[in-house]
Amino acid sequence: MEQIHDTFAIEIAEYSEWRERNRKNNFFELVYVLDGEGQHSANYIKHKYSKNGIFLLPAARCHMYIIEKKTQFLFLRFTGSYFIPGTNDTVDYSNWFNRLNFIMGNHDYLSGELIDDPDDKKQLKRLLDVILYEYEHKGICSAFVIQNTLVSVLAIISRNIQAKALGGRIFTDKKFVELLNFISFNILDTEKLSVSYLSRKFHISENYFSEYFKRNAAEKFQDFILNSKLRIAGSRAKFTDAPFQEIAMELGFTDSSHLNRMMKKYTGKGMRETRKEIQG
């Protein structure tokens, strides 16, 4: 795994038989199948893979590949600091940390392709081919090009996961769909999630906002926010090794005890129990 930037690393590997890899201290890996075929196994469910397949692996060791034909993989590893801008970065990635958490909280982590939409899959393949080219040629600005291309990669992933998260629900109010998307992709930004800010941005009366949201979402605004954060917390517990205190602080809870109480109240399981579901 070559660390070409402080916040992400790339590896190209070829396997005739899958081997467990050291994947600690990362959020997840994006896997692009360059060649080969076999089965992708996640949580004991198997799904066929072949050339140009695109998958998402969380940090927890609950995924493997059953290789039937020698396979070459491109691995893109995202670290916890991926969206924290460095002193030399010209792009501010801090807002994208919200998207990373949105993906973590709403992806089902089942086996199978990451992207269902055929057009988006083609688009994602084009972007991954750009990353592959820059990685292999290692030009002067290759790390910068890869870093910026990853922004578009994660935007496409987020768009597809958002469609799945809506569960086929159809909203006649376009403004409300835009509102939901904005909330989902800014879930860690307290200021942008305030009723006053959202009312101004989406031209909804502040006095009417709560009623408007509940009528369209069939749940209270604050419950939607809390449940969204708890989904992220549960996913971070299962699929990363992040300390509970770190998860709590990033999601805006007072401390790990506060987060644990909320998890037990709304899901019936605390953070430790949730982590044991996958990691044992």
Protein backbone atom coordinates (compact mmCIF):
# COMPACT_ATOMS: atom_id res chain seq x y z
CA MET A 1 0.00 0.00 0.00
CA GLU A 2 1.72 3.18 -1.19
CA GLN A 3 0.97 6.30 0.88
CA ILE A 4 0.92 8.93 -1.88
CA HIS A 5 -0.82 11.50 0.30
CA ASP A 6 -1.20 11.89 4.09
CA THR A 7 -4.88 11.07 3.84
CA PHE A 8 -5.15 8.28 1.27
CA ALA A 9 -3.12 5.41 -0.11
CA ILE A 10 -3.26 3.27 -3.25
CA GLU A 11 -2.29 -0.32 -3.91
CA ILE A 12 -2.44 -2.54 -6.99
CA ALA A 13 -2.31 -6.24 -6.06
CA GLU A 14 -2.79 -9.50 -7.89
CA TYR A 15 -4.04 -12.63 -6.15
CA SER A 16 -4.64 -16.24 -7.13
CA GLU A 17 -5.89 -16.82 -3.59
CA TRP A 18 -7.20 -14.16 -1.22
CA ARG A 19 -5.01 -13.24 1.74
CA GLU A 20 -6.01 -11.23 4.81
CA ARG A 21 -4.54 -7.74 4.60
CA ASN A 22 -3.51 -5.26 7.27
CA ARG A 23 -6.22 -2.59 7.01
CA LYS A 24 -6.19 -0.92 10.42
CA ASN A 25 -6.84 2.77 11.03
CA ASN A 26 -8.83 3.49 7.89
CA PHE A 27 -12.48 4.28 7.26
CA PHE A 28 -12.90 2.08 4.24
CA GLU A 29 -11.38 1.00 0.98
CA LEU A 30 -12.77 1.41 -2.49
CA VAL A 31 -11.95 -1.70 -4.54
CA TYR A 32 -11.81 -1.65 -8.35
CA VAL A 33 -11.43 -5.02 -10.11
CA LEU A 34 -8.95 -4.48 -12.94
CA ASP A 35 -9.12 -8.10 -14.14
CA GLY A 36 -10.28 -11.53 -13.00
CA GLU A 37 -13.43 -13.07 -11.56
CA GLY A 38 -14.78 -14.81 -8.50
CA GLN A 39 -17.10 -14.05 -5.59
CA HIS A 40 -17.23 -11.16 -3.14
CA SER A 41 -18.28 -12.36 0.32
CA ALA A 42 -19.65 -9.92 2.90
CA ASN A 43 -21.29 -10.92 6.16
CA TYR A 44 -21.43 -14.51 4.81
CA ILE A 45 -23.38 -13.46 1.69
CA LYS A 46 -21.69 -14.06 -1.67
CA HIS A 47 -22.00 -12.19 -4.95
CA LYS A 48 -20.22 -12.67 -8.28
CA TYR A 49 -17.55 -10.18 -9.32
CA SER A 50 -15.73 -9.68 -12.63
CA LYS A 51 -13.61 -7.10 -14.45
CA ASN A 52 -14.62 -3.46 -13.77
CA GLY A 53 -16.49 -4.42 -10.59
CA ILE A 54 -16.53 -1.71 -7.90
CA PHE A 55 -16.91 -2.54 -4.19
CA LEU A 56 -16.65 -0.79 -0.84
CA LEU A 57 -14.92 -2.41 2.13
CA PRO A 58 -15.26 -1.13 5.70
CA ALA A 59 -12.32 -1.38 8.07
CA ALA A 60 -13.69 -4.39 9.96
CA ARG A 61 -12.60 -7.80 8.73
CA CYS A 62 -15.95 -9.10 7.52
CA HIS A 63 -15.17 -9.11 3.81
CA MET A 64 -13.20 -11.44 1.55
CA TYR A 65 -12.88 -12.44 -2.09
CA ILE A 66 -13.19 -16.03 -3.29
CA ILE A 67 -10.95 -15.93 -6.34
CA GLU A 68 -11.89 -18.21 -9.23
CA LYS A 69 -9.66 -16.57 -11.87
CA LYS A 70 -6.44 -14.71 -10.99
CA THR A 71 -7.57 -11.20 -10.05
CA GLN A 72 -5.88 -7.81 -10.11
CA PHE A 73 -7.32 -5.26 -7.69
CA LEU A 74 -6.90 -1.52 -7.32
CA PHE A 75 -7.36 -0.58 -3.64
CA LEU A 76 -8.01 3.03 -2.59
CA ARG A 77 -7.74 3.42 1.17
CA PHE A 78 -9.33 6.42 2.91
CA THR A 79 -7.90 7.34 6.31
CA GLY A 80 -9.75 9.10 9.10
CA SER A 81 -8.14 12.43 8.24
CA TYR A 82 -9.08 12.31 4.54
CA PHE A 83 -11.35 15.33 4.65
CA ILE A 84 -9.30 17.45 7.02
CA PRO A 85 -7.45 19.98 4.88
CA GLY A 86 -3.67 20.08 5.14
CA THR A 87 -1.59 23.23 5.09
CA ASN A 88 -0.64 22.70 1.44
CA ASP A 89 -4.07 21.70 0.12
CA THR A 90 -5.85 24.15 -2.15
CA VAL A 91 -9.19 22.37 -1.73
CA ASP A 92 -11.02 22.46 1.60
CA TYR A 93 -12.08 18.87 2.29
CA SER A 94 -13.57 19.49 5.74
CA ASN A 95 -17.16 19.60 4.42
CA TRP A 96 -16.62 16.26 2.68
CA PHE A 97 -16.09 14.56 6.02
CA ASN A 98 -19.89 14.74 6.31
CA ARG A 99 -20.24 12.72 3.09
CA LEU A 100 -17.81 10.12 4.30
CA ASN A 101 -19.89 9.65 7.43
CA PHE A 102 -23.09 9.61 5.34
CA ILE A 103 -21.66 6.76 3.27
CA MET A 104 -20.58 4.94 6.43
CA GLY A 105 -24.01 5.29 8.01
CA ASN A 106 -26.19 4.42 5.05
CA HIS A 107 -24.28 1.77 3.07
CA ASP A 108 -25.57 -1.74 3.84
CA TYR A 109 -22.13 -3.41 3.50
CA LEU A 110 -23.68 -6.42 1.81
CA SER A 111 -21.90 -8.25 -0.95
CA GLY A 112 -22.29 -7.05 -4.50
CA GLU A 113 -21.60 -4.02 -6.62
CA LEU A 114 -21.45 -0.63 -4.96
CA ILE A 115 -23.25 1.24 -7.77
CA ASP A 116 -26.54 0.04 -9.28
CA ASP A 117 -27.15 2.85 -11.76
CA PRO A 118 -25.42 1.84 -15.06
CA ASP A 119 -24.65 5.42 -16.10
CA ASP A 120 -23.14 6.27 -12.74
CA LYS A 121 -21.10 3.07 -12.82
CA LYS A 122 -19.65 4.10 -16.20
CA GLN A 123 -18.88 7.54 -14.82
CA LEU A 124 -17.24 6.07 -11.73
CA LYS A 125 -15.15 3.73 -13.89
CA ARG A 126 -13.90 6.72 -15.93
CA LEU A 127 -12.82 8.49 -12.75
CA LEU A 128 -11.11 5.38 -11.38
CA ASP A 129 -9.27 5.00 -14.70
CA VAL A 130 -7.98 8.57 -14.26
CA ILE A 131 -6.74 7.64 -10.79
CA LEU A 132 -5.12 4.46 -12.12
CA TYR A 133 -3.38 6.38 -14.92
CA GLU A 134 -2.02 9.05 -12.57
CA TYR A 135 -0.90 6.42 -10.07
CA GLU A 136 1.01 4.43 -12.70
CA HIS A 137 2.63 7.45 -14.40
CA LYS A 138 3.45 9.36 -11.19
CA GLY A 139 3.64 12.78 -12.80
CA ILE A 140 4.49 16.00 -10.98
CA CYS A 141 0.85 16.74 -10.11
CA SER A 142 -0.42 13.13 -9.92
CA ALA A 143 -1.18 13.19 -6.18
CA PHE A 144 -3.12 16.44 -6.61
CA VAL A 145 -5.12 15.05 -9.57
CA ILE A 146 -5.91 11.86 -7.65
CA GLN A 147 -6.95 13.81 -4.56
CA ASN A 148 -9.33 16.00 -6.52
CA THR A 149 -10.73 13.11 -8.55
CA LEU A 150 -11.60 11.34 -5.31
CA VAL A 151 -13.96 14.21 -4.49
CA SER A 152 -16.02 13.35 -7.57
CA VAL A 153 -15.79 9.62 -6.84
CA LEU A 154 -17.30 10.05 -3.39
CA ALA A 155 -20.00 12.41 -4.70
CA ILE A 156 -21.20 9.68 -7.09
CA ILE A 157 -21.10 7.07 -4.33
CA SER A 158 -23.08 9.38 -2.03
CA ARG A 159 -25.70 10.02 -4.71
CA ASN A 160 -26.31 6.31 -5.20
CA ILE A 161 -26.38 5.48 -1.51
CA GLN A 162 -28.82 8.35 -0.93
CA ALA A 163 -31.16 6.84 -3.55
CA LYS A 164 -30.99 3.50 -1.72
CA ALA A 165 -31.46 5.18 1.67
CA LEU A 166 -34.75 6.69 0.50
CA GLY A 167 -35.96 3.10 0.05
CA GLY A 168 -37.92 3.80 -3.11
CA ARG A 169 -39.94 6.55 -1.48
CA ILE A 170 -41.16 9.14 -3.94
CA PHE A 171 -41.58 12.73 -2.80
CA THR A 172 -43.74 15.06 -4.87
CA ASP A 173 -42.17 18.08 -3.19
CA LYS A 174 -38.79 18.65 -4.91
CA LYS A 175 -37.79 21.20 -2.32
CA PHE A 176 -38.14 18.60 0.43
CA VAL A 177 -35.87 16.15 -1.43
CA GLU A 178 -33.24 18.90 -1.73
CA LEU A 179 -33.70 19.64 1.98
CA LEU A 180 -33.19 15.96 2.90
CA ASN A 181 -30.08 15.74 0.74
CA PHE A 182 -28.64 18.90 2.27
CA ILE A 183 -29.25 17.62 5.81
CA SER A 184 -27.78 14.19 5.02
CA PHE A 185 -24.61 15.63 3.51
CA ASN A 186 -24.11 18.20 6.30
CA ILE A 187 -25.00 15.96 9.22
CA LEU A 188 -21.97 17.07 11.28
CA ASP A 189 -22.39 20.79 10.71
CA THR A 190 -24.45 22.05 13.66
CA GLU A 191 -24.87 25.55 12.24
CA LYS A 192 -26.22 24.30 8.91
CA LEU A 193 -28.65 21.96 10.68
CA SER A 194 -30.32 24.70 12.69
CA VAL A 195 -33.95 25.44 11.89
CA SER A 196 -33.15 29.11 11.33
CA TYR A 197 -30.41 28.32 8.78
CA LEU A 198 -32.48 25.71 6.90
CA SER A 199 -35.55 27.97 6.86
CA ARG A 200 -33.58 30.77 5.25
CA LYS A 201 -31.79 28.52 2.77
CA PHE A 202 -34.93 26.72 1.57
CA HIS A 203 -37.33 29.67 1.90
CA ILE A 204 -39.58 28.01 4.47
CA SER A 205 -41.16 29.96 7.29
CA GLU A 206 -39.29 29.23 10.51
CA ASN A 207 -42.58 28.90 12.38
CA TYR A 208 -43.85 26.41 9.80
CA PHE A 209 -40.61 24.42 9.36
CA SER A 210 -41.23 21.68 11.97
CA GLU A 211 -44.74 21.01 10.68
CA TYR A 212 -43.50 21.02 7.06
CA PHE A 213 -40.74 18.52 7.85
CA LYS A 214 -42.93 16.13 9.83
CA ARG A 215 -45.67 16.20 7.18
CA ASN A 216 -43.20 15.15 4.48
CA ALA A 217 -40.85 12.86 6.41
CA ALA A 218 -43.42 11.28 8.76
CA GLU A 219 -41.08 11.98 11.68
CA LYS A 220 -39.94 14.98 13.67
CA PHE A 221 -36.97 16.98 12.43
CA GLN A 222 -34.88 16.43 15.58
CA ASP A 223 -35.67 12.69 15.55
CA PHE A 224 -34.48 12.52 11.93
CA ILE A 225 -31.19 14.21 12.88
CA LEU A 226 -30.65 11.97 15.90
CA ASN A 227 -31.49 8.76 14.03
CA SER A 228 -29.14 9.77 11.20
CA LYS A 229 -26.30 10.30 13.68
CA LEU A 230 -27.03 7.03 15.47
CA ARG A 231 -26.88 5.12 12.17
CA ILE A 232 -23.44 6.62 11.58
CA ALA A 233 -22.37 5.81 15.15
CA GLY A 234 -23.54 2.22 14.77
CA SER A 235 -21.70 1.82 11.49
CA ARG A 236 -18.52 3.35 12.91
CA ALA A 237 -18.78 0.95 15.88
CA LYS A 238 -19.18 -2.09 13.63
CA PHE A 239 -16.88 -1.29 10.76
CA THR A 240 -14.00 0.74 12.24
CA ASP A 241 -11.73 0.51 15.25
CA ALA A 242 -12.35 4.16 16.20
CA PRO A 243 -12.63 4.78 19.98
CA PHE A 244 -16.19 5.46 21.15
CA GLN A 245 -15.18 8.82 22.62
CA GLU A 246 -13.84 9.91 19.21
CA ILE A 247 -17.07 8.83 17.49
CA ALA A 248 -19.16 10.64 20.10
CA MET A 249 -17.26 13.92 19.78
CA GLU A 250 -17.32 13.91 15.96
CA LEU A 251 -21.08 13.34 15.95
CA GLY A 252 -21.81 16.10 18.45
CA PHE A 253 -22.63 14.04 21.56
CA THR A 254 -21.43 15.27 24.96
CA ASP A 255 -19.24 12.19 25.50
CA SER A 256 -19.21 8.43 24.89
CA SER A 257 -21.62 7.83 27.81
CA HIS A 258 -24.18 10.20 26.25
CA LEU A 259 -23.84 8.44 22.88
CA ASN A 260 -24.13 5.03 24.54
CA ARG A 261 -27.34 6.04 26.35
CA MET A 262 -28.90 7.30 23.12
CA MET A 263 -27.91 4.11 21.26
CA LYS A 264 -29.49 1.94 23.95
CA LYS A 265 -32.63 4.08 24.07
CA TYR A 266 -33.27 4.15 20.32
CA THR A 267 -31.73 0.86 19.10
CA GLY A 268 -31.83 -1.35 22.17
CA LYS A 269 -28.05 -1.91 22.04
CA GLY A 270 -25.11 0.08 23.37
CA MET A 271 -21.96 0.85 21.40
CA ARG A 272 -20.00 -2.12 22.80
CA GLU A 273 -22.79 -4.58 21.91
CA THR A 274 -23.08 -3.01 18.45
CA ARG A 275 -19.34 -3.42 17.82
CA LYS A 276 -19.45 -7.08 18.88
CA GLU A 277 -22.11 -7.81 16.24
CA ILE A 278 -19.40 -7.78 13.58
CA GLN A 279 -16.02 -7.70 15.25
CA GLY A 280 -16.66 -10.29 17.96
